Amino acid sequence: MPKAGLWANAVGLLISIVGTLLLFSHTTNQYHSAIQDLGSIAIAYLGLILLGISVSLTGLALLLRRTPD
């Protein structure tokens, strides 16, 4: 399970980084920052970031899981 935990942790961190970069690029873009509905777009990116965090925490749980002897 440690290998699966490491992979899940890495994938979760990657999802969070991508979501953060997308949110940053979207809000600093002059065209997109003028859109009135920016709040719902930001909520979608924050959801992507939270998905990455939850996947990363799942990987951490898999790493810390102990098998019964």
PDB file of N, CA and C in Angstrom:
ATOM      1  N   MET A   1       0.787  -1.208   0.000  1.00  0.00           N
ATOM      2  CA  MET A   1       0.000   0.000   0.000  1.00  0.00           C
ATOM      3  C   MET A   1       0.836   1.283   0.000  1.00  0.00           C
ATOM      4  N   PRO A   2       2.091   1.233   0.462  1.00  0.00           N
ATOM      5  CA  PRO A   2       2.859   2.490   0.449  1.00  0.00           C
ATOM      6  C   PRO A   2       3.024   3.073  -0.954  1.00  0.00           C
ATOM      7  N   LYS A   3       3.169   2.207  -1.953  1.00  0.00           N
ATOM      8  CA  LYS A   3       3.332   2.720  -3.317  1.00  0.00           C
ATOM      9  C   LYS A   3       2.046   3.400  -3.796  1.00  0.00           C
ATOM     10  N   ALA A   4       0.896   2.818  -3.480  1.00  0.00           N
ATOM     11  CA  ALA A   4      -0.381   3.435  -3.856  1.00  0.00           C
ATOM     12  C   ALA A   4      -0.595   4.742  -3.105  1.00  0.00           C
ATOM     13  N   GLY A   5      -0.163   4.776  -1.853  1.00  0.00           N
ATOM     14  CA  GLY A   5      -0.285   6.002  -1.073  1.00  0.00           C
ATOM     15  C   GLY A   5       0.567   7.126  -1.633  1.00  0.00           C
ATOM     16  N   LEU A   6       1.783   6.793  -2.066  1.00  0.00           N
ATOM     17  CA  LEU A   6       2.650   7.799  -2.664  1.00  0.00           C
ATOM     18  C   LEU A   6       2.076   8.330  -3.973  1.00  0.00           C
ATOM     19  N   TRP A   7       1.536   7.420  -4.785  1.00  0.00           N
ATOM     20  CA  TRP A   7       0.934   7.846  -6.046  1.00  0.00           C
ATOM     21  C   TRP A   7      -0.287   8.728  -5.805  1.00  0.00           C
ATOM     22  N   ALA A   8      -1.141   8.333  -4.872  1.00  0.00           N
ATOM     23  CA  ALA A   8      -2.334   9.130  -4.583  1.00  0.00           C
ATOM     24  C   ALA A   8      -1.947  10.498  -4.033  1.00  0.00           C
ATOM     25  N   ASN A   9      -0.936  10.527  -3.194  1.00  0.00           N
ATOM     26  CA  ASN A   9      -0.471  11.792  -2.645  1.00  0.00           C
ATOM     27  C   ASN A   9       0.073  12.690  -3.752  1.00  0.00           C
ATOM     28  N   ALA A  10       0.859  12.131  -4.653  1.00  0.00           N
ATOM     29  CA  ALA A  10       1.430  12.912  -5.756  1.00  0.00           C
ATOM     30  C   ALA A  10       0.352  13.419  -6.703  1.00  0.00           C
ATOM     31  N   VAL A  11      -0.619  12.577  -7.011  1.00  0.00           N
ATOM     32  CA  VAL A  11      -1.708  12.991  -7.901  1.00  0.00           C
ATOM     33  C   VAL A  11      -2.539  14.091  -7.243  1.00  0.00           C
ATOM     34  N   GLY A  12      -2.801  13.962  -5.956  1.00  0.00           N
ATOM     35  CA  GLY A  12      -3.556  14.988  -5.244  1.00  0.00           C
ATOM     36  C   GLY A  12      -2.843  16.325  -5.224  1.00  0.00           C
ATOM     37  N   LEU A  13      -1.533  16.286  -4.996  1.00  0.00           N
ATOM     38  CA  LEU A  13      -0.768  17.531  -5.024  1.00  0.00           C
ATOM     39  C   LEU A  13      -0.752  18.141  -6.414  1.00  0.00           C
ATOM     40  N   LEU A  14      -0.664  17.308  -7.434  1.00  0.00           N
ATOM     41  CA  LEU A  14      -0.678  17.801  -8.805  1.00  0.00           C
ATOM     42  C   LEU A  14      -2.024  18.450  -9.139  1.00  0.00           C
ATOM     43  N   ILE A  15      -3.125  17.836  -8.728  1.00  0.00           N
ATOM     44  CA  ILE A  15      -4.449  18.413  -8.964  1.00  0.00           C
ATOM     45  C   ILE A  15      -4.577  19.759  -8.261  1.00  0.00           C
ATOM     46  N   SER A  16      -4.094  19.847  -7.037  1.00  0.00           N
ATOM     47  CA  SER A  16      -4.165  21.103  -6.288  1.00  0.00           C
ATOM     48  C   SER A  16      -3.323  22.191  -6.952  1.00  0.00           C
ATOM     49  N   ILE A  17      -2.146  21.836  -7.407  1.00  0.00           N
ATOM     50  CA  ILE A  17      -1.282  22.816  -8.069  1.00  0.00           C
ATOM     51  C   ILE A  17      -1.915  23.307  -9.364  1.00  0.00           C
ATOM     52  N   VAL A  18      -2.474  22.396 -10.143  1.00  0.00           N
ATOM     53  CA  VAL A  18      -3.126  22.785 -11.395  1.00  0.00           C
ATOM     54  C   VAL A  18      -4.327  23.685 -11.108  1.00  0.00           C
ATOM     55  N   GLY A  19      -5.127  23.332 -10.117  1.00  0.00           N
ATOM     56  CA  GLY A  19      -6.277  24.165  -9.760  1.00  0.00           C
ATOM     57  C   GLY A  19      -5.855  25.547  -9.298  1.00  0.00           C
ATOM     58  N   THR A  20      -4.778  25.622  -8.525  1.00  0.00           N
ATOM     59  CA  THR A  20      -4.284  26.913  -8.056  1.00  0.00           C
ATOM     60  C   THR A  20      -3.779  27.757  -9.222  1.00  0.00           C
ATOM     61  N   LEU A  21      -3.029  27.150 -10.128  1.00  0.00           N
ATOM     62  CA  LEU A  21      -2.525  27.889 -11.286  1.00  0.00           C
ATOM     63  C   LEU A  21      -3.659  28.354 -12.196  1.00  0.00           C
ATOM     64  N   LEU A  22      -4.664  27.510 -12.390  1.00  0.00           N
ATOM     65  CA  LEU A  22      -5.808  27.913 -13.201  1.00  0.00           C
ATOM     66  C   LEU A  22      -6.564  29.069 -12.563  1.00  0.00           C
ATOM     67  N   LEU A  23      -6.770  29.000 -11.253  1.00  0.00           N
ATOM     68  CA  LEU A  23      -7.459  30.077 -10.558  1.00  0.00           C
ATOM     69  C   LEU A  23      -6.667  31.370 -10.658  1.00  0.00           C
ATOM     70  N   PHE A  24      -5.352  31.294 -10.450  1.00  0.00           N
ATOM     71  CA  PHE A  24      -4.510  32.480 -10.523  1.00  0.00           C
ATOM     72  C   PHE A  24      -4.504  33.076 -11.933  1.00  0.00           C
ATOM     73  N   SER A  25      -4.362  32.216 -12.946  1.00  0.00           N
ATOM     74  CA  SER A  25      -4.319  32.725 -14.321  1.00  0.00           C
ATOM     75  C   SER A  25      -5.668  33.291 -14.750  1.00  0.00           C
ATOM     76  N   HIS A  26      -6.743  32.703 -14.248  1.00  0.00           N
ATOM     77  CA  HIS A  26      -8.075  33.178 -14.621  1.00  0.00           C
ATOM     78  C   HIS A  26      -8.386  34.526 -13.987  1.00  0.00           C
ATOM     79  N   THR A  27      -7.982  34.719 -12.750  1.00  0.00           N
ATOM     80  CA  THR A  27      -8.314  35.976 -12.086  1.00  0.00           C
ATOM     81  C   THR A  27      -7.369  37.104 -12.479  1.00  0.00           C
ATOM     82  N   THR A  28      -6.178  36.782 -12.994  1.00  0.00           N
ATOM     83  CA  THR A  28      -5.267  37.846 -13.423  1.00  0.00           C
ATOM     84  C   THR A  28      -5.436  38.186 -14.896  1.00  0.00           C
ATOM     85  N   ASN A  29      -6.206  37.407 -15.630  1.00  0.00           N
ATOM     86  CA  ASN A  29      -6.477  37.689 -17.030  1.00  0.00           C
ATOM     87  C   ASN A  29      -7.435  38.876 -17.105  1.00  0.00           C
ATOM     88  N   GLN A  30      -7.092  39.889 -17.909  1.00  0.00           N
ATOM     89  CA  GLN A  30      -7.886  41.121 -17.962  1.00  0.00           C
ATOM     90  C   GLN A  30      -9.297  40.839 -18.483  1.00  0.00           C
ATOM     91  N   TYR A  31      -9.441  39.954 -19.472  1.00  0.00           N
ATOM     92  CA  TYR A  31     -10.766  39.658 -20.019  1.00  0.00           C
ATOM     93  C   TYR A  31     -11.614  38.899 -19.011  1.00  0.00           C
ATOM     94  N   HIS A  32     -11.044  37.859 -18.418  1.00  0.00           N
ATOM     95  CA  HIS A  32     -11.816  37.021 -17.508  1.00  0.00           C
ATOM     96  C   HIS A  32     -12.133  37.722 -16.199  1.00  0.00           C
ATOM     97  N   SER A  33     -11.276  38.633 -15.758  1.00  0.00           N
ATOM     98  CA  SER A  33     -11.553  39.314 -14.498  1.00  0.00           C
ATOM     99  C   SER A  33     -12.691  40.314 -14.638  1.00  0.00           C
ATOM    100  N   ALA A  34     -13.046  40.680 -15.874  1.00  0.00           N
ATOM    101  CA  ALA A  34     -14.152  41.600 -16.099  1.00  0.00           C
ATOM    102  C   ALA A  34     -15.496  40.881 -16.167  1.00  0.00           C
ATOM    103  N   ILE A  35     -15.482  39.572 -16.210  1.00  0.00           N
ATOM    104  CA  ILE A  35     -16.733  38.803 -16.276  1.00  0.00           C
ATOM    105  C   ILE A  35     -17.480  38.943 -14.953  1.00  0.00           C
ATOM    106  N   GLN A  36     -18.773  39.173 -15.023  1.00  0.00           N
ATOM    107  CA  GLN A  36     -19.585  39.367 -13.821  1.00  0.00           C
ATOM    108  C   GLN A  36     -19.739  38.082 -13.020  1.00  0.00           C
ATOM    109  N   ASP A  37     -19.662  36.956 -13.687  1.00  0.00           N
ATOM    110  CA  ASP A  37     -19.900  35.668 -13.036  1.00  0.00           C
ATOM    111  C   ASP A  37     -18.599  35.025 -12.563  1.00  0.00           C
ATOM    112  N   LEU A  38     -17.637  35.832 -12.157  1.00  0.00           N
ATOM    113  CA  LEU A  38     -16.336  35.315 -11.738  1.00  0.00           C
ATOM    114  C   LEU A  38     -16.447  34.476 -10.472  1.00  0.00           C
ATOM    115  N   GLY A  39     -17.432  34.757  -9.632  1.00  0.00           N
ATOM    116  CA  GLY A  39     -17.582  34.020  -8.380  1.00  0.00           C
ATOM    117  C   GLY A  39     -17.811  32.541  -8.593  1.00  0.00           C
ATOM    118  N   SER A  40     -18.696  32.176  -9.523  1.00  0.00           N
ATOM    119  CA  SER A  40     -18.969  30.760  -9.755  1.00  0.00           C
ATOM    120  C   SER A  40     -17.784  30.067 -10.398  1.00  0.00           C
ATOM    121  N   ILE A  41     -17.033  30.786 -11.222  1.00  0.00           N
ATOM    122  CA  ILE A  41     -15.833  30.203 -11.829  1.00  0.00           C
ATOM    123  C   ILE A  41     -14.788  29.945 -10.750  1.00  0.00           C
ATOM    124  N   ALA A  42     -14.627  30.901  -9.826  1.00  0.00           N
ATOM    125  CA  ALA A  42     -13.665  30.734  -8.740  1.00  0.00           C
ATOM    126  C   ALA A  42     -14.070  29.584  -7.837  1.00  0.00           C
ATOM    127  N   ILE A  43     -15.363  29.409  -7.608  1.00  0.00           N
ATOM    128  CA  ILE A  43     -15.842  28.293  -6.789  1.00  0.00           C
ATOM    129  C   ILE A  43     -15.485  26.963  -7.452  1.00  0.00           C
ATOM    130  N   ALA A  44     -15.577  26.900  -8.776  1.00  0.00           N
ATOM    131  CA  ALA A  44     -15.223  25.660  -9.482  1.00  0.00           C
ATOM    132  C   ALA A  44     -13.742  25.354  -9.316  1.00  0.00           C
ATOM    133  N   TYR A  45     -12.894  26.365  -9.424  1.00  0.00           N
ATOM    134  CA  TYR A  45     -11.458  26.136  -9.252  1.00  0.00           C
ATOM    135  C   TYR A  45     -11.135  25.781  -7.800  1.00  0.00           C
ATOM    136  N   LEU A  46     -11.809  26.409  -6.862  1.00  0.00           N
ATOM    137  CA  LEU A  46     -11.592  26.059  -5.458  1.00  0.00           C
ATOM    138  C   LEU A  46     -12.034  24.624  -5.189  1.00  0.00           C
ATOM    139  N   GLY A  47     -13.090  24.185  -5.861  1.00  0.00           N
ATOM    140  CA  GLY A  47     -13.506  22.790  -5.755  1.00  0.00           C
ATOM    141  C   GLY A  47     -12.445  21.846  -6.291  1.00  0.00           C
ATOM    142  N   LEU A  48     -11.789  22.246  -7.370  1.00  0.00           N
ATOM    143  CA  LEU A  48     -10.703  21.437  -7.917  1.00  0.00           C
ATOM    144  C   LEU A  48      -9.536  21.368  -6.937  1.00  0.00           C
ATOM    145  N   ILE A  49      -9.242  22.490  -6.288  1.00  0.00           N
ATOM    146  CA  ILE A  49      -8.172  22.511  -5.290  1.00  0.00           C
ATOM    147  C   ILE A  49      -8.531  21.610  -4.110  1.00  0.00           C
ATOM    148  N   LEU A  50      -9.779  21.682  -3.656  1.00  0.00           N
ATOM    149  CA  LEU A  50     -10.208  20.833  -2.534  1.00  0.00           C
ATOM    150  C   LEU A  50     -10.224  19.355  -2.917  1.00  0.00           C
ATOM    151  N   LEU A  51     -10.548  19.050  -4.163  1.00  0.00           N
ATOM    152  CA  LEU A  51     -10.471  17.666  -4.629  1.00  0.00           C
ATOM    153  C   LEU A  51      -9.039  17.156  -4.542  1.00  0.00           C
ATOM    154  N   GLY A  52      -8.095  17.990  -4.959  1.00  0.00           N
ATOM    155  CA  GLY A  52      -6.687  17.609  -4.865  1.00  0.00           C
ATOM    156  C   GLY A  52      -6.248  17.391  -3.437  1.00  0.00           C
ATOM    157  N   ILE A  53      -6.718  18.240  -2.530  1.00  0.00           N
ATOM    158  CA  ILE A  53      -6.368  18.080  -1.113  1.00  0.00           C
ATOM    159  C   ILE A  53      -6.933  16.781  -0.572  1.00  0.00           C
ATOM    160  N   SER A  54      -8.176  16.452  -0.933  1.00  0.00           N
ATOM    161  CA  SER A  54      -8.775  15.223  -0.410  1.00  0.00           C
ATOM    162  C   SER A  54      -8.085  13.982  -0.971  1.00  0.00           C
ATOM    163  N   VAL A  55      -7.683  14.015  -2.233  1.00  0.00           N
ATOM    164  CA  VAL A  55      -6.945  12.886  -2.806  1.00  0.00           C
ATOM    165  C   VAL A  55      -5.587  12.758  -2.130  1.00  0.00           C
ATOM    166  N   SER A  56      -4.953  13.889  -1.857  1.00  0.00           N
ATOM    167  CA  SER A  56      -3.662  13.862  -1.185  1.00  0.00           C
ATOM    168  C   SER A  56      -3.786  13.314   0.238  1.00  0.00           C
ATOM    169  N   LEU A  57      -4.836  13.681   0.933  1.00  0.00           N
ATOM    170  CA  LEU A  57      -5.058  13.148   2.276  1.00  0.00           C
ATOM    171  C   LEU A  57      -5.367  11.653   2.246  1.00  0.00           C
ATOM    172  N   THR A  58      -6.046  11.212   1.196  1.00  0.00           N
ATOM    173  CA  THR A  58      -6.283   9.778   1.043  1.00  0.00           C
ATOM    174  C   THR A  58      -4.962   9.040   0.855  1.00  0.00           C
ATOM    175  N   GLY A  59      -4.069   9.621   0.069  1.00  0.00           N
ATOM    176  CA  GLY A  59      -2.743   9.023  -0.098  1.00  0.00           C
ATOM    177  C   GLY A  59      -1.974   8.989   1.203  1.00  0.00           C
ATOM    178  N   LEU A  60      -2.096  10.033   1.997  1.00  0.00           N
ATOM    179  CA  LEU A  60      -1.437  10.059   3.299  1.00  0.00           C
ATOM    180  C   LEU A  60      -2.007   8.979   4.215  1.00  0.00           C
ATOM    181  N   ALA A  61      -3.325   8.808   4.178  1.00  0.00           N
ATOM    182  CA  ALA A  61      -3.949   7.753   4.989  1.00  0.00           C
ATOM    183  C   ALA A  61      -3.476   6.376   4.554  1.00  0.00           C
ATOM    184  N   LEU A  62      -3.300   6.188   3.244  1.00  0.00           N
ATOM    185  CA  LEU A  62      -2.788   4.900   2.767  1.00  0.00           C
ATOM    186  C   LEU A  62      -1.342   4.678   3.207  1.00  0.00           C
ATOM    187  N   LEU A  63      -0.578   5.753   3.278  1.00  0.00           N
ATOM    188  CA  LEU A  63       0.808   5.622   3.732  1.00  0.00           C
ATOM    189  C   LEU A  63       0.875   5.273   5.206  1.00  0.00           C
ATOM    190  N   LEU A  64      -0.025   5.810   6.007  1.00  0.00           N
ATOM    191  CA  LEU A  64       0.000   5.592   7.446  1.00  0.00           C
ATOM    192  C   LEU A  64      -0.751   4.344   7.872  1.00  0.00           C
ATOM    193  N   ARG A  65      -1.431   3.698   6.936  1.00  0.00           N
ATOM    194  CA  ARG A  65      -2.214   2.514   7.251  1.00  0.00           C
ATOM    195  C   ARG A  65      -1.283   1.381   7.688  1.00  0.00           C
ATOM    196  N   ARG A  66      -1.670   0.726   8.747  1.00  0.00           N
ATOM    197  CA  ARG A  66      -0.893  -0.405   9.242  1.00  0.00           C
ATOM    198  C   ARG A  66      -1.657  -1.691   8.969  1.00  0.00           C
ATOM    199  N   THR A  67      -0.952  -2.672   8.480  1.00  0.00           N
ATOM    200  CA  THR A  67      -1.579  -3.961   8.217  1.00  0.00           C
ATOM    201  C   THR A  67      -1.514  -4.800   9.485  1.00  0.00           C
ATOM    202  N   PRO A  68      -2.569  -5.543   9.784  1.00  0.00           N
ATOM    203  CA  PRO A  68      -2.539  -6.381  10.974  1.00  0.00           C
ATOM    204  C   PRO A  68      -1.517  -7.511  10.832  1.00  0.00           C
ATOM    205  N   ASP A  69      -0.835  -7.803  11.915  1.00  0.00           N
ATOM    206  CA  ASP A  69       0.181  -8.867  11.890  1.00  0.00           C
ATOM    207  C   ASP A  69      -0.413 -10.229  12.011  1.00  0.00           C
TER     208      ASP A  69
END
